[in-house]
Amino acid sequence: MIKTLAVLCFVGVVFADYDGYGENSGHEDHHVDYYSPPHYNYEYSVHDPKTHDVKSQYETRVGDVVKGYYTLQEADGTTREVHYTSDDKNGFNAEVKRTGKAYHPQVYQQYHESDSSGHHY
């Protein structure tokens, strides 16, 4: 009795999902495209006095057009600023600008006669 009941339940589930239309029934499937063009904005910034990491970025996208910029402080003290755009027609384009005066400290290394390696660089 239990096996018969289980088989009837299975058959009921199979027929419940069947809508009666086969592939050649003359009814068309209506495909709904839920595509939505990408659209976003974001930005962030970092200012870490311990590591001297200073940077920021902003970007926006509407459909296939991306625009944005980022800045970062270089190790030599200058600031790099990059403005960029990207789209289907023009591809990726960037304009790079460097501001500030580069600072390169003089580093002097002393040679000690007591170095026993025998190598002189």
N, C-alpha and C. Protein backbone atom coordinates (compact mmCIF):
# COMPACT_ATOMS: atom_id res chain seq x y z
N MET A 1 0.82 -1.19 0.00
CA MET A 1 0.00 0.00 0.00
C MET A 1 0.87 1.27 0.00
N ILE A 2 1.94 1.26 0.79
CA ILE A 2 2.81 2.44 0.87
C ILE A 2 3.54 2.65 -0.45
N LYS A 3 3.96 1.55 -1.11
CA LYS A 3 4.65 1.68 -2.38
C LYS A 3 3.71 2.26 -3.43
N THR A 4 2.48 1.86 -3.43
CA THR A 4 1.50 2.38 -4.39
C THR A 4 1.27 3.87 -4.15
N LEU A 5 1.15 4.26 -2.91
CA LEU A 5 0.96 5.67 -2.57
C LEU A 5 2.17 6.50 -2.99
N ALA A 6 3.38 5.98 -2.79
CA ALA A 6 4.59 6.71 -3.18
C ALA A 6 4.66 6.89 -4.69
N VAL A 7 4.30 5.86 -5.45
CA VAL A 7 4.32 5.96 -6.91
C VAL A 7 3.27 6.96 -7.38
N LEU A 8 2.09 6.95 -6.80
CA LEU A 8 1.05 7.92 -7.19
C LEU A 8 1.48 9.36 -6.88
N CYS A 9 2.14 9.57 -5.77
CA CYS A 9 2.64 10.92 -5.44
C CYS A 9 3.67 11.36 -6.46
N PHE A 10 4.57 10.45 -6.85
CA PHE A 10 5.60 10.78 -7.84
C PHE A 10 4.97 11.13 -9.18
N VAL A 11 4.01 10.36 -9.62
CA VAL A 11 3.32 10.62 -10.89
C VAL A 11 2.58 11.95 -10.82
N GLY A 12 2.01 12.27 -9.69
CA GLY A 12 1.31 13.54 -9.53
C GLY A 12 2.25 14.72 -9.65
N VAL A 13 3.45 14.59 -9.10
CA VAL A 13 4.44 15.67 -9.20
C VAL A 13 4.90 15.84 -10.63
N VAL A 14 5.12 14.75 -11.34
CA VAL A 14 5.56 14.83 -12.73
C VAL A 14 4.51 15.52 -13.58
N PHE A 15 3.26 15.16 -13.44
CA PHE A 15 2.20 15.78 -14.25
C PHE A 15 1.88 17.20 -13.80
N ALA A 16 2.16 17.55 -12.58
CA ALA A 16 1.91 18.92 -12.12
C ALA A 16 2.83 19.91 -12.82
N ASP A 17 4.08 19.50 -13.17
CA ASP A 17 5.02 20.37 -13.86
C ASP A 17 4.79 20.40 -15.37
N TYR A 18 4.02 19.46 -15.91
CA TYR A 18 3.78 19.38 -17.35
C TYR A 18 2.64 20.32 -17.73
N ASP A 19 2.91 21.28 -18.65
CA ASP A 19 1.88 22.24 -19.02
C ASP A 19 1.09 21.84 -20.25
N GLY A 20 1.41 20.68 -20.83
CA GLY A 20 0.63 20.18 -21.96
C GLY A 20 1.13 20.66 -23.31
N TYR A 21 2.18 21.46 -23.36
CA TYR A 21 2.68 21.98 -24.62
C TYR A 21 4.02 21.35 -24.92
N GLY A 22 4.13 20.68 -26.04
CA GLY A 22 5.40 20.11 -26.46
C GLY A 22 6.16 21.10 -27.30
N GLU A 23 7.29 20.67 -27.84
CA GLU A 23 8.12 21.56 -28.65
C GLU A 23 7.41 21.98 -29.93
N ASN A 24 6.64 21.14 -30.52
CA ASN A 24 5.96 21.45 -31.79
C ASN A 24 4.48 21.74 -31.58
N SER A 25 4.12 22.30 -30.47
CA SER A 25 2.70 22.51 -30.17
C SER A 25 2.16 23.79 -30.78
N GLY A 26 3.01 24.62 -31.36
CA GLY A 26 2.54 25.87 -31.95
C GLY A 26 2.56 27.04 -30.99
N HIS A 27 2.85 26.80 -29.74
CA HIS A 27 2.93 27.88 -28.76
C HIS A 27 4.37 28.36 -28.66
N GLU A 28 4.56 29.66 -28.60
CA GLU A 28 5.90 30.24 -28.51
C GLU A 28 6.25 30.50 -27.06
N ASP A 29 7.51 30.26 -26.75
CA ASP A 29 8.00 30.64 -25.43
C ASP A 29 8.29 32.13 -25.46
N HIS A 30 7.91 32.81 -24.42
CA HIS A 30 8.19 34.24 -24.32
C HIS A 30 9.40 34.42 -23.42
N HIS A 31 10.53 34.72 -24.05
CA HIS A 31 11.78 34.91 -23.30
C HIS A 31 11.84 36.36 -22.84
N VAL A 32 12.03 36.54 -21.56
CA VAL A 32 12.15 37.87 -20.99
C VAL A 32 13.61 38.11 -20.67
N ASP A 33 14.18 39.16 -21.23
CA ASP A 33 15.57 39.51 -20.99
C ASP A 33 15.63 40.51 -19.85
N TYR A 34 16.25 40.12 -18.76
CA TYR A 34 16.33 40.99 -17.59
C TYR A 34 17.64 41.76 -17.54
N TYR A 35 18.28 41.96 -18.69
CA TYR A 35 19.55 42.67 -18.74
C TYR A 35 19.34 44.12 -18.32
N SER A 36 20.18 44.56 -17.46
CA SER A 36 20.17 45.95 -17.03
C SER A 36 21.57 46.50 -17.24
N PRO A 37 21.71 47.61 -17.95
CA PRO A 37 23.05 48.16 -18.17
C PRO A 37 23.75 48.44 -16.83
N PRO A 38 25.05 48.13 -16.73
CA PRO A 38 25.74 48.38 -15.47
C PRO A 38 25.79 49.87 -15.15
N HIS A 39 25.62 50.17 -13.91
CA HIS A 39 25.64 51.56 -13.45
C HIS A 39 26.17 51.56 -12.02
N TYR A 40 27.31 52.23 -11.81
CA TYR A 40 27.84 52.33 -10.45
C TYR A 40 28.71 53.57 -10.30
N ASN A 41 28.91 53.95 -9.06
CA ASN A 41 29.85 54.99 -8.64
C ASN A 41 30.57 54.45 -7.41
N TYR A 42 31.85 54.70 -7.31
CA TYR A 42 32.54 54.38 -6.06
C TYR A 42 33.74 55.29 -5.90
N GLU A 43 34.17 55.41 -4.67
CA GLU A 43 35.37 56.16 -4.37
C GLU A 43 35.95 55.68 -3.05
N TYR A 44 37.25 55.89 -2.90
CA TYR A 44 37.92 55.57 -1.65
C TYR A 44 39.16 56.43 -1.53
N SER A 45 39.67 56.51 -0.33
CA SER A 45 40.93 57.21 -0.12
C SER A 45 41.64 56.60 1.08
N VAL A 46 42.97 56.70 1.04
CA VAL A 46 43.82 56.19 2.12
C VAL A 46 44.82 57.29 2.46
N HIS A 47 45.00 57.52 3.74
CA HIS A 47 46.04 58.44 4.19
C HIS A 47 46.63 57.84 5.47
N ASP A 48 47.72 57.10 5.29
CA ASP A 48 48.35 56.39 6.40
C ASP A 48 49.68 57.06 6.72
N PRO A 49 49.75 57.83 7.81
CA PRO A 49 50.99 58.53 8.13
C PRO A 49 52.14 57.59 8.53
N LYS A 50 51.82 56.39 8.99
CA LYS A 50 52.87 55.47 9.40
C LYS A 50 53.62 54.91 8.19
N THR A 51 52.88 54.49 7.15
CA THR A 51 53.51 53.91 5.97
C THR A 51 53.69 54.92 4.85
N HIS A 52 53.17 56.10 5.02
CA HIS A 52 53.20 57.17 4.02
C HIS A 52 52.43 56.78 2.75
N ASP A 53 51.45 55.92 2.91
CA ASP A 53 50.58 55.52 1.81
C ASP A 53 49.46 56.54 1.69
N VAL A 54 49.48 57.31 0.60
CA VAL A 54 48.48 58.33 0.37
C VAL A 54 47.96 58.15 -1.05
N LYS A 55 46.67 57.82 -1.17
CA LYS A 55 46.09 57.61 -2.49
C LYS A 55 44.57 57.76 -2.41
N SER A 56 43.96 57.96 -3.59
CA SER A 56 42.50 58.04 -3.66
C SER A 56 42.07 57.66 -5.07
N GLN A 57 40.81 57.26 -5.19
CA GLN A 57 40.26 56.91 -6.50
C GLN A 57 38.77 57.20 -6.52
N TYR A 58 38.30 57.59 -7.71
CA TYR A 58 36.87 57.78 -7.96
C TYR A 58 36.59 57.21 -9.34
N GLU A 59 35.49 56.48 -9.47
CA GLU A 59 35.12 55.91 -10.77
C GLU A 59 33.61 55.85 -10.88
N THR A 60 33.12 56.06 -12.09
CA THR A 60 31.70 55.95 -12.38
C THR A 60 31.52 55.19 -13.69
N ARG A 61 30.44 54.43 -13.77
CA ARG A 61 30.14 53.69 -15.00
C ARG A 61 28.65 53.79 -15.27
N VAL A 62 28.34 54.13 -16.53
CA VAL A 62 26.97 54.15 -17.00
C VAL A 62 26.98 53.38 -18.32
N GLY A 63 26.37 52.21 -18.33
CA GLY A 63 26.41 51.37 -19.53
C GLY A 63 27.82 50.92 -19.81
N ASP A 64 28.30 51.18 -21.01
CA ASP A 64 29.65 50.79 -21.38
C ASP A 64 30.66 51.93 -21.28
N VAL A 65 30.30 53.02 -20.65
CA VAL A 65 31.19 54.18 -20.51
C VAL A 65 31.69 54.26 -19.07
N VAL A 66 33.01 54.22 -18.92
CA VAL A 66 33.65 54.31 -17.60
C VAL A 66 34.50 55.57 -17.58
N LYS A 67 34.37 56.34 -16.50
CA LYS A 67 35.19 57.54 -16.30
C LYS A 67 35.68 57.54 -14.87
N GLY A 68 36.89 58.05 -14.68
CA GLY A 68 37.39 58.11 -13.33
C GLY A 68 38.76 58.75 -13.24
N TYR A 69 39.26 58.79 -12.02
CA TYR A 69 40.60 59.30 -11.79
C TYR A 69 41.15 58.67 -10.52
N TYR A 70 42.47 58.68 -10.41
CA TYR A 70 43.09 58.28 -9.16
C TYR A 70 44.33 59.12 -8.95
N THR A 71 44.69 59.28 -7.69
CA THR A 71 45.91 60.00 -7.32
C THR A 71 46.68 59.13 -6.33
N LEU A 72 47.99 59.29 -6.35
CA LEU A 72 48.81 58.63 -5.35
C LEU A 72 50.09 59.41 -5.15
N GLN A 73 50.58 59.36 -3.94
CA GLN A 73 51.83 60.04 -3.63
C GLN A 73 52.97 59.07 -3.88
N GLU A 74 53.89 59.48 -4.75
CA GLU A 74 55.03 58.65 -5.11
C GLU A 74 56.08 58.69 -3.99
N ALA A 75 57.00 57.75 -4.03
CA ALA A 75 58.06 57.68 -3.01
C ALA A 75 58.97 58.90 -3.04
N ASP A 76 59.07 59.57 -4.20
CA ASP A 76 59.94 60.75 -4.30
C ASP A 76 59.25 62.04 -3.88
N GLY A 77 58.01 61.94 -3.38
CA GLY A 77 57.29 63.11 -2.89
C GLY A 77 56.35 63.74 -3.91
N THR A 78 56.42 63.35 -5.17
CA THR A 78 55.51 63.89 -6.18
C THR A 78 54.16 63.18 -6.09
N THR A 79 53.18 63.78 -6.72
CA THR A 79 51.84 63.19 -6.77
C THR A 79 51.51 62.84 -8.20
N ARG A 80 51.11 61.60 -8.43
CA ARG A 80 50.67 61.18 -9.75
C ARG A 80 49.14 61.26 -9.77
N GLU A 81 48.61 61.90 -10.81
CA GLU A 81 47.17 62.02 -10.98
C GLU A 81 46.82 61.48 -12.37
N VAL A 82 45.92 60.53 -12.42
CA VAL A 82 45.54 59.89 -13.68
C VAL A 82 44.04 60.04 -13.87
N HIS A 83 43.65 60.66 -14.97
CA HIS A 83 42.24 60.75 -15.36
C HIS A 83 42.05 59.82 -16.54
N TYR A 84 41.02 58.98 -16.49
CA TYR A 84 40.85 58.00 -17.55
C TYR A 84 39.38 57.87 -17.97
N THR A 85 39.20 57.42 -19.21
CA THR A 85 37.89 57.10 -19.75
C THR A 85 38.01 55.81 -20.55
N SER A 86 36.90 55.12 -20.69
CA SER A 86 36.89 53.91 -21.49
C SER A 86 35.47 53.72 -22.04
N ASP A 87 35.40 53.45 -23.35
CA ASP A 87 34.11 53.17 -23.98
C ASP A 87 34.32 52.31 -25.22
N ASP A 88 33.21 51.89 -25.83
CA ASP A 88 33.30 51.02 -27.01
C ASP A 88 33.94 51.71 -28.20
N LYS A 89 33.72 53.00 -28.34
CA LYS A 89 34.18 53.72 -29.53
C LYS A 89 35.68 54.06 -29.45
N ASN A 90 36.13 54.58 -28.31
CA ASN A 90 37.50 55.08 -28.18
C ASN A 90 38.45 54.17 -27.42
N GLY A 91 37.95 53.12 -26.81
CA GLY A 91 38.80 52.24 -26.01
C GLY A 91 39.20 52.91 -24.69
N PHE A 92 40.33 52.51 -24.14
CA PHE A 92 40.82 53.06 -22.89
C PHE A 92 41.78 54.21 -23.17
N ASN A 93 41.56 55.36 -22.54
CA ASN A 93 42.43 56.53 -22.68
C ASN A 93 42.73 57.08 -21.30
N ALA A 94 43.98 57.42 -21.09
CA ALA A 94 44.39 57.96 -19.79
C ALA A 94 45.28 59.18 -19.99
N GLU A 95 45.10 60.15 -19.13
CA GLU A 95 45.96 61.34 -19.10
C GLU A 95 46.66 61.34 -17.74
N VAL A 96 47.98 61.27 -17.77
CA VAL A 96 48.78 61.19 -16.55
C VAL A 96 49.46 62.52 -16.30
N LYS A 97 49.32 63.01 -15.07
CA LYS A 97 49.94 64.28 -14.70
C LYS A 97 50.73 64.06 -13.41
N ARG A 98 51.91 64.64 -13.36
CA ARG A 98 52.75 64.53 -12.17
C ARG A 98 52.97 65.93 -11.62
N THR A 99 52.67 66.12 -10.34
CA THR A 99 52.82 67.44 -9.72
C THR A 99 53.78 67.34 -8.54
N GLY A 100 54.37 68.47 -8.21
CA GLY A 100 55.29 68.52 -7.08
C GLY A 100 56.72 68.38 -7.55
N LYS A 101 57.63 68.56 -6.61
CA LYS A 101 59.05 68.46 -6.91
C LYS A 101 59.58 67.16 -6.34
N ALA A 102 60.30 66.42 -7.18
CA ALA A 102 60.86 65.14 -6.74
C ALA A 102 62.00 65.38 -5.76
N TYR A 103 62.04 64.60 -4.73
CA TYR A 103 63.09 64.69 -3.72
C TYR A 103 63.81 63.34 -3.67
N HIS A 104 65.11 63.36 -3.96
CA HIS A 104 65.92 62.15 -3.93
C HIS A 104 67.05 62.38 -2.93
N PRO A 105 66.94 61.82 -1.73
CA PRO A 105 67.98 62.05 -0.72
C PRO A 105 69.30 61.39 -1.11
N GLN A 106 70.39 62.05 -0.76
CA GLN A 106 71.71 61.51 -1.01
C GLN A 106 71.97 60.40 0.01
N VAL A 107 72.41 59.27 -0.49
CA VAL A 107 72.72 58.14 0.39
C VAL A 107 74.20 57.86 0.25
N TYR A 108 74.90 57.90 1.36
CA TYR A 108 76.34 57.64 1.37
C TYR A 108 76.59 56.36 2.15
N GLN A 109 77.38 55.48 1.57
CA GLN A 109 77.71 54.25 2.24
C GLN A 109 79.20 54.27 2.53
N GLN A 110 79.55 54.00 3.75
CA GLN A 110 80.95 54.02 4.12
C GLN A 110 81.54 52.63 3.97
N TYR A 111 82.79 52.63 3.49
CA TYR A 111 83.51 51.37 3.35
C TYR A 111 84.42 51.22 4.56
N HIS A 112 84.39 50.04 5.15
CA HIS A 112 85.23 49.77 6.31
C HIS A 112 86.27 48.73 5.92
N GLU A 113 87.53 49.01 6.24
CA GLU A 113 88.63 48.09 5.95
C GLU A 113 88.45 46.77 6.69
N SER A 114 87.69 46.76 7.73
CA SER A 114 87.54 45.53 8.52
C SER A 114 86.64 44.50 7.86
N ASP A 115 85.99 44.89 6.75
CA ASP A 115 85.17 43.93 6.02
C ASP A 115 86.08 42.85 5.44
N SER A 116 85.86 41.61 5.84
CA SER A 116 86.76 40.53 5.44
C SER A 116 86.29 39.80 4.19
N SER A 117 85.27 40.28 3.55
CA SER A 117 84.74 39.54 2.39
C SER A 117 85.66 39.65 1.19
N GLY A 118 86.49 40.67 1.13
CA GLY A 118 87.40 40.83 0.01
C GLY A 118 86.74 41.43 -1.21
N HIS A 119 85.46 41.68 -1.16
CA HIS A 119 84.74 42.27 -2.30
C HIS A 119 84.62 43.78 -2.10
N HIS A 120 84.88 44.49 -3.17
CA HIS A 120 84.77 45.95 -3.13
C HIS A 120 83.74 46.37 -4.17
N TYR A 121 82.69 46.98 -3.73
CA TYR A 121 81.64 47.42 -4.65
C TYR A 121 81.56 48.90 -4.69
